[in-house]
Amino acid sequence: MGKRLRFGFLSFGSLYFVLAVLAMMSESLQQAVGPLLRPMSNLVRPIYDVFLLHDDDPRVIYPVILSSLLWGLLGGAVAVLIGGLYTLLRQRYR
């Protein structure tokens, strides 16, 4: 369970963090990663609304980090759930 949790946490959290940082770098990168980042950002929009920071404020990294942690927790939970389901099905149909 621990390995699955770490894998899910690192994969989902890292993916969101990298996409969010790329989107902050330039307009063209924002358009490139936008289709994948937009649905992920909509789920964590309340975190950004709490901070109320402009895009040019250097503190904008704080909601990005918190959102990445939230996506990491969600990814870890999904990985543990899928791993548990796989183990259950493997034992049942053996």
PDB file of N, CA and C in Angstrom:
ATOM      1  N   MET A   1       0.816  -1.186   0.000  1.00  0.00           N
ATOM      2  CA  MET A   1       0.000   0.000   0.000  1.00  0.00           C
ATOM      3  C   MET A   1       0.869   1.264   0.000  1.00  0.00           C
ATOM      4  N   GLY A   2       1.970   1.252   0.740  1.00  0.00           N
ATOM      5  CA  GLY A   2       2.823   2.426   0.826  1.00  0.00           C
ATOM      6  C   GLY A   2       3.445   2.802  -0.506  1.00  0.00           C
ATOM      7  N   LYS A   3       3.865   1.783  -1.267  1.00  0.00           N
ATOM      8  CA  LYS A   3       4.480   2.064  -2.571  1.00  0.00           C
ATOM      9  C   LYS A   3       3.453   2.639  -3.534  1.00  0.00           C
ATOM     10  N   ARG A   4       2.253   2.093  -3.508  1.00  0.00           N
ATOM     11  CA  ARG A   4       1.205   2.600  -4.399  1.00  0.00           C
ATOM     12  C   ARG A   4       0.837   4.032  -4.043  1.00  0.00           C
ATOM     13  N   LEU A   5       0.743   4.299  -2.748  1.00  0.00           N
ATOM     14  CA  LEU A   5       0.405   5.646  -2.299  1.00  0.00           C
ATOM     15  C   LEU A   5       1.475   6.644  -2.736  1.00  0.00           C
ATOM     16  N   ARG A   6       2.727   6.288  -2.559  1.00  0.00           N
ATOM     17  CA  ARG A   6       3.820   7.177  -2.977  1.00  0.00           C
ATOM     18  C   ARG A   6       3.830   7.373  -4.486  1.00  0.00           C
ATOM     19  N   PHE A   7       3.607   6.286  -5.228  1.00  0.00           N
ATOM     20  CA  PHE A   7       3.598   6.393  -6.685  1.00  0.00           C
ATOM     21  C   PHE A   7       2.479   7.318  -7.153  1.00  0.00           C
ATOM     22  N   GLY A   8       1.283   7.112  -6.636  1.00  0.00           N
ATOM     23  CA  GLY A   8       0.161   7.963  -7.025  1.00  0.00           C
ATOM     24  C   GLY A   8       0.369   9.408  -6.621  1.00  0.00           C
ATOM     25  N   PHE A   9       0.899   9.610  -5.414  1.00  0.00           N
ATOM     26  CA  PHE A   9       1.151  10.964  -4.923  1.00  0.00           C
ATOM     27  C   PHE A   9       2.157  11.673  -5.816  1.00  0.00           C
ATOM     28  N   LEU A  10       3.251  10.988  -6.117  1.00  0.00           N
ATOM     29  CA  LEU A  10       4.289  11.609  -6.942  1.00  0.00           C
ATOM     30  C   LEU A  10       3.824  11.842  -8.370  1.00  0.00           C
ATOM     31  N   SER A  11       3.091  10.898  -8.937  1.00  0.00           N
ATOM     32  CA  SER A  11       2.705  11.053 -10.339  1.00  0.00           C
ATOM     33  C   SER A  11       1.667  12.161 -10.516  1.00  0.00           C
ATOM     34  N   PHE A  12       0.594  12.149  -9.745  1.00  0.00           N
ATOM     35  CA  PHE A  12      -0.444  13.164  -9.913  1.00  0.00           C
ATOM     36  C   PHE A  12       0.041  14.537  -9.453  1.00  0.00           C
ATOM     37  N   GLY A  13       0.705  14.589  -8.293  1.00  0.00           N
ATOM     38  CA  GLY A  13       1.191  15.870  -7.777  1.00  0.00           C
ATOM     39  C   GLY A  13       2.235  16.494  -8.680  1.00  0.00           C
ATOM     40  N   SER A  14       3.166  15.681  -9.160  1.00  0.00           N
ATOM     41  CA  SER A  14       4.220  16.190 -10.047  1.00  0.00           C
ATOM     42  C   SER A  14       3.650  16.640 -11.382  1.00  0.00           C
ATOM     43  N   LEU A  15       2.713  15.875 -11.915  1.00  0.00           N
ATOM     44  CA  LEU A  15       2.098  16.249 -13.187  1.00  0.00           C
ATOM     45  C   LEU A  15       1.431  17.615 -13.077  1.00  0.00           C
ATOM     46  N   TYR A  16       0.640  17.808 -12.029  1.00  0.00           N
ATOM     47  CA  TYR A  16      -0.041  19.091 -11.880  1.00  0.00           C
ATOM     48  C   TYR A  16       0.964  20.224 -11.680  1.00  0.00           C
ATOM     49  N   PHE A  17       1.975  20.002 -10.854  1.00  0.00           N
ATOM     50  CA  PHE A  17       2.957  21.056 -10.579  1.00  0.00           C
ATOM     51  C   PHE A  17       3.694  21.464 -11.850  1.00  0.00           C
ATOM     52  N   VAL A  18       4.154  20.490 -12.614  1.00  0.00           N
ATOM     53  CA  VAL A  18       4.893  20.794 -13.849  1.00  0.00           C
ATOM     54  C   VAL A  18       3.997  21.527 -14.849  1.00  0.00           C
ATOM     55  N   LEU A  19       2.764  21.067 -15.009  1.00  0.00           N
ATOM     56  CA  LEU A  19       1.859  21.732 -15.944  1.00  0.00           C
ATOM     57  C   LEU A  19       1.550  23.159 -15.498  1.00  0.00           C
ATOM     58  N   ALA A  20       1.331  23.357 -14.199  1.00  0.00           N
ATOM     59  CA  ALA A  20       1.014  24.702 -13.705  1.00  0.00           C
ATOM     60  C   ALA A  20       2.199  25.647 -13.875  1.00  0.00           C
ATOM     61  N   VAL A  21       3.397  25.177 -13.605  1.00  0.00           N
ATOM     62  CA  VAL A  21       4.580  26.027 -13.765  1.00  0.00           C
ATOM     63  C   VAL A  21       4.814  26.343 -15.239  1.00  0.00           C
ATOM     64  N   LEU A  22       4.633  25.361 -16.108  1.00  0.00           N
ATOM     65  CA  LEU A  22       4.779  25.622 -17.545  1.00  0.00           C
ATOM     66  C   LEU A  22       3.753  26.643 -18.022  1.00  0.00           C
ATOM     67  N   ALA A  23       2.539  26.546 -17.515  1.00  0.00           N
ATOM     68  CA  ALA A  23       1.500  27.489 -17.925  1.00  0.00           C
ATOM     69  C   ALA A  23       1.810  28.908 -17.454  1.00  0.00           C
ATOM     70  N   MET A  24       2.538  29.039 -16.350  1.00  0.00           N
ATOM     71  CA  MET A  24       2.893  30.373 -15.849  1.00  0.00           C
ATOM     72  C   MET A  24       4.048  30.994 -16.630  1.00  0.00           C
ATOM     73  N   MET A  25       4.813  30.190 -17.353  1.00  0.00           N
ATOM     74  CA  MET A  25       6.017  30.701 -18.010  1.00  0.00           C
ATOM     75  C   MET A  25       5.717  31.571 -19.219  1.00  0.00           C
ATOM     76  N   SER A  26       4.823  31.130 -20.075  1.00  0.00           N
ATOM     77  CA  SER A  26       4.543  31.921 -21.268  1.00  0.00           C
ATOM     78  C   SER A  26       3.149  31.604 -21.794  1.00  0.00           C
ATOM     79  N   GLU A  27       2.687  32.483 -22.652  1.00  0.00           N
ATOM     80  CA  GLU A  27       1.356  32.330 -23.234  1.00  0.00           C
ATOM     81  C   GLU A  27       1.282  31.105 -24.152  1.00  0.00           C
ATOM     82  N   SER A  28       2.337  30.858 -24.914  1.00  0.00           N
ATOM     83  CA  SER A  28       2.316  29.720 -25.834  1.00  0.00           C
ATOM     84  C   SER A  28       2.336  28.394 -25.073  1.00  0.00           C
ATOM     85  N   LEU A  29       3.102  28.330 -23.981  1.00  0.00           N
ATOM     86  CA  LEU A  29       3.087  27.114 -23.166  1.00  0.00           C
ATOM     87  C   LEU A  29       1.741  26.930 -22.484  1.00  0.00           C
ATOM     88  N   GLN A  30       1.115  28.026 -22.105  1.00  0.00           N
ATOM     89  CA  GLN A  30      -0.198  27.943 -21.479  1.00  0.00           C
ATOM     90  C   GLN A  30      -1.223  27.360 -22.454  1.00  0.00           C
ATOM     91  N   GLN A  31      -1.127  27.739 -23.720  1.00  0.00           N
ATOM     92  CA  GLN A  31      -2.034  27.181 -24.716  1.00  0.00           C
ATOM     93  C   GLN A  31      -1.723  25.718 -24.990  1.00  0.00           C
ATOM     94  N   ALA A  32      -0.459  25.346 -24.886  1.00  0.00           N
ATOM     95  CA  ALA A  32      -0.071  23.961 -25.161  1.00  0.00           C
ATOM     96  C   ALA A  32      -0.541  23.008 -24.063  1.00  0.00           C
ATOM     97  N   VAL A  33      -0.395  23.406 -22.809  1.00  0.00           N
ATOM     98  CA  VAL A  33      -0.769  22.517 -21.703  1.00  0.00           C
ATOM     99  C   VAL A  33      -2.182  22.782 -21.205  1.00  0.00           C
ATOM    100  N   GLY A  34      -2.829  23.794 -21.746  1.00  0.00           N
ATOM    101  CA  GLY A  34      -4.164  24.188 -21.299  1.00  0.00           C
ATOM    102  C   GLY A  34      -5.216  23.095 -21.316  1.00  0.00           C
ATOM    103  N   PRO A  35      -5.322  22.308 -22.400  1.00  0.00           N
ATOM    104  CA  PRO A  35      -6.373  21.283 -22.417  1.00  0.00           C
ATOM    105  C   PRO A  35      -6.257  20.251 -21.295  1.00  0.00           C
ATOM    106  N   LEU A  36      -5.061  19.958 -20.855  1.00  0.00           N
ATOM    107  CA  LEU A  36      -4.890  19.012 -19.751  1.00  0.00           C
ATOM    108  C   LEU A  36      -4.958  19.712 -18.400  1.00  0.00           C
ATOM    109  N   LEU A  37      -4.462  20.931 -18.336  1.00  0.00           N
ATOM    110  CA  LEU A  37      -4.414  21.656 -17.065  1.00  0.00           C
ATOM    111  C   LEU A  37      -5.776  22.212 -16.656  1.00  0.00           C
ATOM    112  N   ARG A  38      -6.585  22.610 -17.620  1.00  0.00           N
ATOM    113  CA  ARG A  38      -7.864  23.253 -17.309  1.00  0.00           C
ATOM    114  C   ARG A  38      -8.785  22.385 -16.453  1.00  0.00           C
ATOM    115  N   PRO A  39      -9.030  21.116 -16.806  1.00  0.00           N
ATOM    116  CA  PRO A  39      -9.902  20.302 -15.937  1.00  0.00           C
ATOM    117  C   PRO A  39      -9.295  20.057 -14.556  1.00  0.00           C
ATOM    118  N   MET A  40      -7.974  19.925 -14.504  1.00  0.00           N
ATOM    119  CA  MET A  40      -7.331  19.717 -13.210  1.00  0.00           C
ATOM    120  C   MET A  40      -7.434  20.980 -12.357  1.00  0.00           C
ATOM    121  N   SER A  41      -7.299  22.134 -12.966  1.00  0.00           N
ATOM    122  CA  SER A  41      -7.363  23.393 -12.222  1.00  0.00           C
ATOM    123  C   SER A  41      -8.773  23.708 -11.750  1.00  0.00           C
ATOM    124  N   ASN A  42      -9.765  23.300 -12.510  1.00  0.00           N
ATOM    125  CA  ASN A  42     -11.145  23.567 -12.101  1.00  0.00           C
ATOM    126  C   ASN A  42     -11.489  22.883 -10.784  1.00  0.00           C
ATOM    127  N   LEU A  43     -10.903  21.728 -10.533  1.00  0.00           N
ATOM    128  CA  LEU A  43     -11.195  21.013  -9.290  1.00  0.00           C
ATOM    129  C   LEU A  43     -10.550  21.667  -8.072  1.00  0.00           C
ATOM    130  N   VAL A  44      -9.475  22.386  -8.252  1.00  0.00           N
ATOM    131  CA  VAL A  44      -8.789  23.032  -7.128  1.00  0.00           C
ATOM    132  C   VAL A  44      -8.943  24.555  -7.177  1.00  0.00           C
ATOM    133  N   ARG A  45      -9.897  25.045  -7.939  1.00  0.00           N
ATOM    134  CA  ARG A  45     -10.132  26.487  -8.065  1.00  0.00           C
ATOM    135  C   ARG A  45     -10.358  27.169  -6.714  1.00  0.00           C
ATOM    136  N   PRO A  46     -11.051  26.548  -5.739  1.00  0.00           N
ATOM    137  CA  PRO A  46     -11.239  27.226  -4.438  1.00  0.00           C
ATOM    138  C   PRO A  46      -9.926  27.583  -3.740  1.00  0.00           C
ATOM    139  N   ILE A  47      -8.891  26.807  -3.952  1.00  0.00           N
ATOM    140  CA  ILE A  47      -7.595  27.136  -3.343  1.00  0.00           C
ATOM    141  C   ILE A  47      -7.065  28.443  -3.927  1.00  0.00           C
ATOM    142  N   TYR A  48      -7.188  28.611  -5.229  1.00  0.00           N
ATOM    143  CA  TYR A  48      -6.730  29.846  -5.864  1.00  0.00           C
ATOM    144  C   TYR A  48      -7.601  31.030  -5.442  1.00  0.00           C
ATOM    145  N   ASP A  49      -8.895  30.781  -5.253  1.00  0.00           N
ATOM    146  CA  ASP A  49      -9.801  31.855  -4.854  1.00  0.00           C
ATOM    147  C   ASP A  49      -9.505  32.363  -3.449  1.00  0.00           C
ATOM    148  N   VAL A  50      -9.017  31.506  -2.574  1.00  0.00           N
ATOM    149  CA  VAL A  50      -8.680  31.921  -1.208  1.00  0.00           C
ATOM    150  C   VAL A  50      -7.509  32.902  -1.222  1.00  0.00           C
ATOM    151  N   PHE A  51      -6.527  32.663  -2.072  1.00  0.00           N
ATOM    152  CA  PHE A  51      -5.329  33.504  -2.085  1.00  0.00           C
ATOM    153  C   PHE A  51      -5.538  34.835  -2.810  1.00  0.00           C
ATOM    154  N   LEU A  52      -6.373  34.870  -3.831  1.00  0.00           N
ATOM    155  CA  LEU A  52      -6.651  36.089  -4.597  1.00  0.00           C
ATOM    156  C   LEU A  52      -5.383  36.826  -5.030  1.00  0.00           C
ATOM    157  N   LEU A  53      -4.491  36.115  -5.676  1.00  0.00           N
ATOM    158  CA  LEU A  53      -3.235  36.700  -6.150  1.00  0.00           C
ATOM    159  C   LEU A  53      -3.294  36.907  -7.660  1.00  0.00           C
ATOM    160  N   HIS A  54      -2.618  37.938  -8.131  1.00  0.00           N
ATOM    161  CA  HIS A  54      -2.516  38.172  -9.569  1.00  0.00           C
ATOM    162  C   HIS A  54      -1.436  37.267 -10.149  1.00  0.00           C
ATOM    163  N   ASP A  55      -1.488  37.076 -11.454  1.00  0.00           N
ATOM    164  CA  ASP A  55      -0.529  36.186 -12.110  1.00  0.00           C
ATOM    165  C   ASP A  55       0.914  36.667 -11.993  1.00  0.00           C
ATOM    166  N   ASP A  56       1.121  37.971 -11.882  1.00  0.00           N
ATOM    167  CA  ASP A  56       2.491  38.482 -11.809  1.00  0.00           C
ATOM    168  C   ASP A  56       3.028  38.545 -10.375  1.00  0.00           C
ATOM    169  N   ASP A  57       2.239  38.151  -9.404  1.00  0.00           N
ATOM    170  CA  ASP A  57       2.681  38.131  -8.003  1.00  0.00           C
ATOM    171  C   ASP A  57       3.545  36.894  -7.766  1.00  0.00           C
ATOM    172  N   PRO A  58       4.741  37.050  -7.190  1.00  0.00           N
ATOM    173  CA  PRO A  58       5.605  35.880  -6.970  1.00  0.00           C
ATOM    174  C   PRO A  58       5.024  34.866  -5.987  1.00  0.00           C
ATOM    175  N   ARG A  59       4.082  35.296  -5.166  1.00  0.00           N
ATOM    176  CA  ARG A  59       3.478  34.370  -4.199  1.00  0.00           C
ATOM    177  C   ARG A  59       2.458  33.437  -4.836  1.00  0.00           C
ATOM    178  N   VAL A  60       2.256  33.534  -6.136  1.00  0.00           N
ATOM    179  CA  VAL A  60       1.297  32.666  -6.812  1.00  0.00           C
ATOM    180  C   VAL A  60       1.734  31.199  -6.746  1.00  0.00           C
ATOM    181  N   ILE A  61       2.984  30.964  -6.386  1.00  0.00           N
ATOM    182  CA  ILE A  61       3.479  29.593  -6.267  1.00  0.00           C
ATOM    183  C   ILE A  61       2.828  28.868  -5.086  1.00  0.00           C
ATOM    184  N   TYR A  62       2.371  29.602  -4.069  1.00  0.00           N
ATOM    185  CA  TYR A  62       1.764  28.960  -2.899  1.00  0.00           C
ATOM    186  C   TYR A  62       0.498  28.172  -3.238  1.00  0.00           C
ATOM    187  N   PRO A  63      -0.460  28.758  -3.962  1.00  0.00           N
ATOM    188  CA  PRO A  63      -1.618  27.931  -4.317  1.00  0.00           C
ATOM    189  C   PRO A  63      -1.262  26.791  -5.274  1.00  0.00           C
ATOM    190  N   VAL A  64      -0.227  26.991  -6.088  1.00  0.00           N
ATOM    191  CA  VAL A  64       0.208  25.908  -6.977  1.00  0.00           C
ATOM    192  C   VAL A  64       0.740  24.743  -6.151  1.00  0.00           C
ATOM    193  N   ILE A  65       1.531  25.045  -5.121  1.00  0.00           N
ATOM    194  CA  ILE A  65       2.074  23.985  -4.267  1.00  0.00           C
ATOM    195  C   ILE A  65       0.955  23.279  -3.512  1.00  0.00           C
ATOM    196  N   LEU A  66       0.023  24.048  -2.948  1.00  0.00           N
ATOM    197  CA  LEU A  66      -1.095  23.424  -2.228  1.00  0.00           C
ATOM    198  C   LEU A  66      -1.960  22.572  -3.154  1.00  0.00           C
ATOM    199  N   SER A  67      -2.196  23.060  -4.359  1.00  0.00           N
ATOM    200  CA  SER A  67      -2.980  22.288  -5.324  1.00  0.00           C
ATOM    201  C   SER A  67      -2.246  21.020  -5.736  1.00  0.00           C
ATOM    202  N   SER A  68      -0.927  21.112  -5.875  1.00  0.00           N
ATOM    203  CA  SER A  68      -0.138  19.923  -6.208  1.00  0.00           C
ATOM    204  C   SER A  68      -0.218  18.894  -5.094  1.00  0.00           C
ATOM    205  N   LEU A  69      -0.172  19.354  -3.841  1.00  0.00           N
ATOM    206  CA  LEU A  69      -0.319  18.428  -2.715  1.00  0.00           C
ATOM    207  C   LEU A  69      -1.694  17.776  -2.714  1.00  0.00           C
ATOM    208  N   LEU A  70      -2.718  18.558  -3.014  1.00  0.00           N
ATOM    209  CA  LEU A  70      -4.069  18.002  -3.071  1.00  0.00           C
ATOM    210  C   LEU A  70      -4.193  16.965  -4.183  1.00  0.00           C
ATOM    211  N   TRP A  71      -3.633  17.276  -5.360  1.00  0.00           N
ATOM    212  CA  TRP A  71      -3.653  16.311  -6.456  1.00  0.00           C
ATOM    213  C   TRP A  71      -2.819  15.083  -6.113  1.00  0.00           C
ATOM    214  N   GLY A  72      -1.746  15.290  -5.365  1.00  0.00           N
ATOM    215  CA  GLY A  72      -0.938  14.158  -4.920  1.00  0.00           C
ATOM    216  C   GLY A  72      -1.719  13.237  -4.003  1.00  0.00           C
ATOM    217  N   LEU A  73      -2.460  13.811  -3.059  1.00  0.00           N
ATOM    218  CA  LEU A  73      -3.290  12.988  -2.169  1.00  0.00           C
ATOM    219  C   LEU A  73      -4.359  12.237  -2.954  1.00  0.00           C
ATOM    220  N   LEU A  74      -4.974  12.918  -3.899  1.00  0.00           N
ATOM    221  CA  LEU A  74      -5.980  12.264  -4.731  1.00  0.00           C
ATOM    222  C   LEU A  74      -5.357  11.147  -5.559  1.00  0.00           C
ATOM    223  N   GLY A  75      -4.193  11.404  -6.125  1.00  0.00           N
ATOM    224  CA  GLY A  75      -3.504  10.380  -6.917  1.00  0.00           C
ATOM    225  C   GLY A  75      -3.097   9.189  -6.076  1.00  0.00           C
ATOM    226  N   GLY A  76      -2.633   9.446  -4.853  1.00  0.00           N
ATOM    227  CA  GLY A  76      -2.284   8.353  -3.948  1.00  0.00           C
ATOM    228  C   GLY A  76      -3.489   7.507  -3.599  1.00  0.00           C
ATOM    229  N   ALA A  77      -4.615   8.165  -3.343  1.00  0.00           N
ATOM    230  CA  ALA A  77      -5.837   7.427  -3.023  1.00  0.00           C
ATOM    231  C   ALA A  77      -6.298   6.582  -4.209  1.00  0.00           C
ATOM    232  N   VAL A  78      -6.215   7.139  -5.395  1.00  0.00           N
ATOM    233  CA  VAL A  78      -6.609   6.389  -6.595  1.00  0.00           C
ATOM    234  C   VAL A  78      -5.685   5.195  -6.809  1.00  0.00           C
ATOM    235  N   ALA A  79      -4.393   5.390  -6.612  1.00  0.00           N
ATOM    236  CA  ALA A  79      -3.438   4.291  -6.797  1.00  0.00           C
ATOM    237  C   ALA A  79      -3.672   3.176  -5.783  1.00  0.00           C
ATOM    238  N   VAL A  80      -3.945   3.530  -4.534  1.00  0.00           N
ATOM    239  CA  VAL A  80      -4.224   2.518  -3.513  1.00  0.00           C
ATOM    240  C   VAL A  80      -5.523   1.794  -3.839  1.00  0.00           C
ATOM    241  N   LEU A  81      -6.536   2.521  -4.278  1.00  0.00           N
ATOM    242  CA  LEU A  81      -7.819   1.910  -4.630  1.00  0.00           C
ATOM    243  C   LEU A  81      -7.670   0.947  -5.802  1.00  0.00           C
ATOM    244  N   ILE A  82      -6.964   1.356  -6.827  1.00  0.00           N
ATOM    245  CA  ILE A  82      -6.761   0.482  -7.986  1.00  0.00           C
ATOM    246  C   ILE A  82      -5.933  -0.736  -7.606  1.00  0.00           C
ATOM    247  N   GLY A  83      -4.893  -0.533  -6.800  1.00  0.00           N
ATOM    248  CA  GLY A  83      -4.071  -1.661  -6.354  1.00  0.00           C
ATOM    249  C   GLY A  83      -4.857  -2.642  -5.508  1.00  0.00           C
ATOM    250  N   GLY A  84      -5.701  -2.135  -4.624  1.00  0.00           N
ATOM    251  CA  GLY A  84      -6.538  -3.014  -3.805  1.00  0.00           C
ATOM    252  C   GLY A  84      -7.544  -3.776  -4.641  1.00  0.00           C
ATOM    253  N   LEU A  85      -8.137  -3.115  -5.605  1.00  0.00           N
ATOM    254  CA  LEU A  85      -9.091  -3.772  -6.495  1.00  0.00           C
ATOM    255  C   LEU A  85      -8.402  -4.844  -7.330  1.00  0.00           C
ATOM    256  N   TYR A  86      -7.206  -4.547  -7.814  1.00  0.00           N
ATOM    257  CA  TYR A  86      -6.443  -5.522  -8.584  1.00  0.00           C
ATOM    258  C   TYR A  86      -6.127  -6.750  -7.739  1.00  0.00           C
ATOM    259  N   THR A  87      -5.691  -6.534  -6.509  1.00  0.00           N
ATOM    260  CA  THR A  87      -5.370  -7.650  -5.616  1.00  0.00           C
ATOM    261  C   THR A  87      -6.605  -8.482  -5.327  1.00  0.00           C
ATOM    262  N   LEU A  88      -7.722  -7.826  -5.086  1.00  0.00           N
ATOM    263  CA  LEU A  88      -8.973  -8.532  -4.812  1.00  0.00           C
ATOM    264  C   LEU A  88      -9.404  -9.375  -6.007  1.00  0.00           C
ATOM    265  N   LEU A  89      -9.348  -8.814  -7.202  1.00  0.00           N
ATOM    266  CA  LEU A  89      -9.743  -9.559  -8.400  1.00  0.00           C
ATOM    267  C   LEU A  89      -8.775 -10.696  -8.707  1.00  0.00           C
ATOM    268  N   ARG A  90      -7.494 -10.472  -8.467  1.00  0.00           N
ATOM    269  CA  ARG A  90      -6.502 -11.518  -8.714  1.00  0.00           C
ATOM    270  C   ARG A  90      -6.722 -12.701  -7.778  1.00  0.00           C
ATOM    271  N   GLN A  91      -7.039 -12.440  -6.513  1.00  0.00           N
ATOM    272  CA  GLN A  91      -7.291 -13.517  -5.559  1.00  0.00           C
ATOM    273  C   GLN A  91      -8.584 -14.248  -5.882  1.00  0.00           C
ATOM    274  N   ARG A  92      -9.568 -13.525  -6.343  1.00  0.00           N
ATOM    275  CA  ARG A  92     -10.873 -14.136  -6.621  1.00  0.00           C
ATOM    276  C   ARG A  92     -10.827 -15.060  -7.837  1.00  0.00           C
ATOM    277  N   TYR A  93     -10.123 -14.671  -8.864  1.00  0.00           N
ATOM    278  CA  TYR A  93     -10.112 -15.443 -10.108  1.00  0.00           C
ATOM    279  C   TYR A  93      -8.870 -16.300 -10.269  1.00  0.00           C
ATOM    280  N   ARG A  94      -8.240 -16.642  -9.206  1.00  0.00           N
ATOM    281  CA  ARG A  94      -7.077 -17.506  -9.268  1.00  0.00           C
ATOM    282  C   ARG A  94      -7.472 -18.944  -9.269  1.00  0.00           C
TER     283      ARG A  94
END
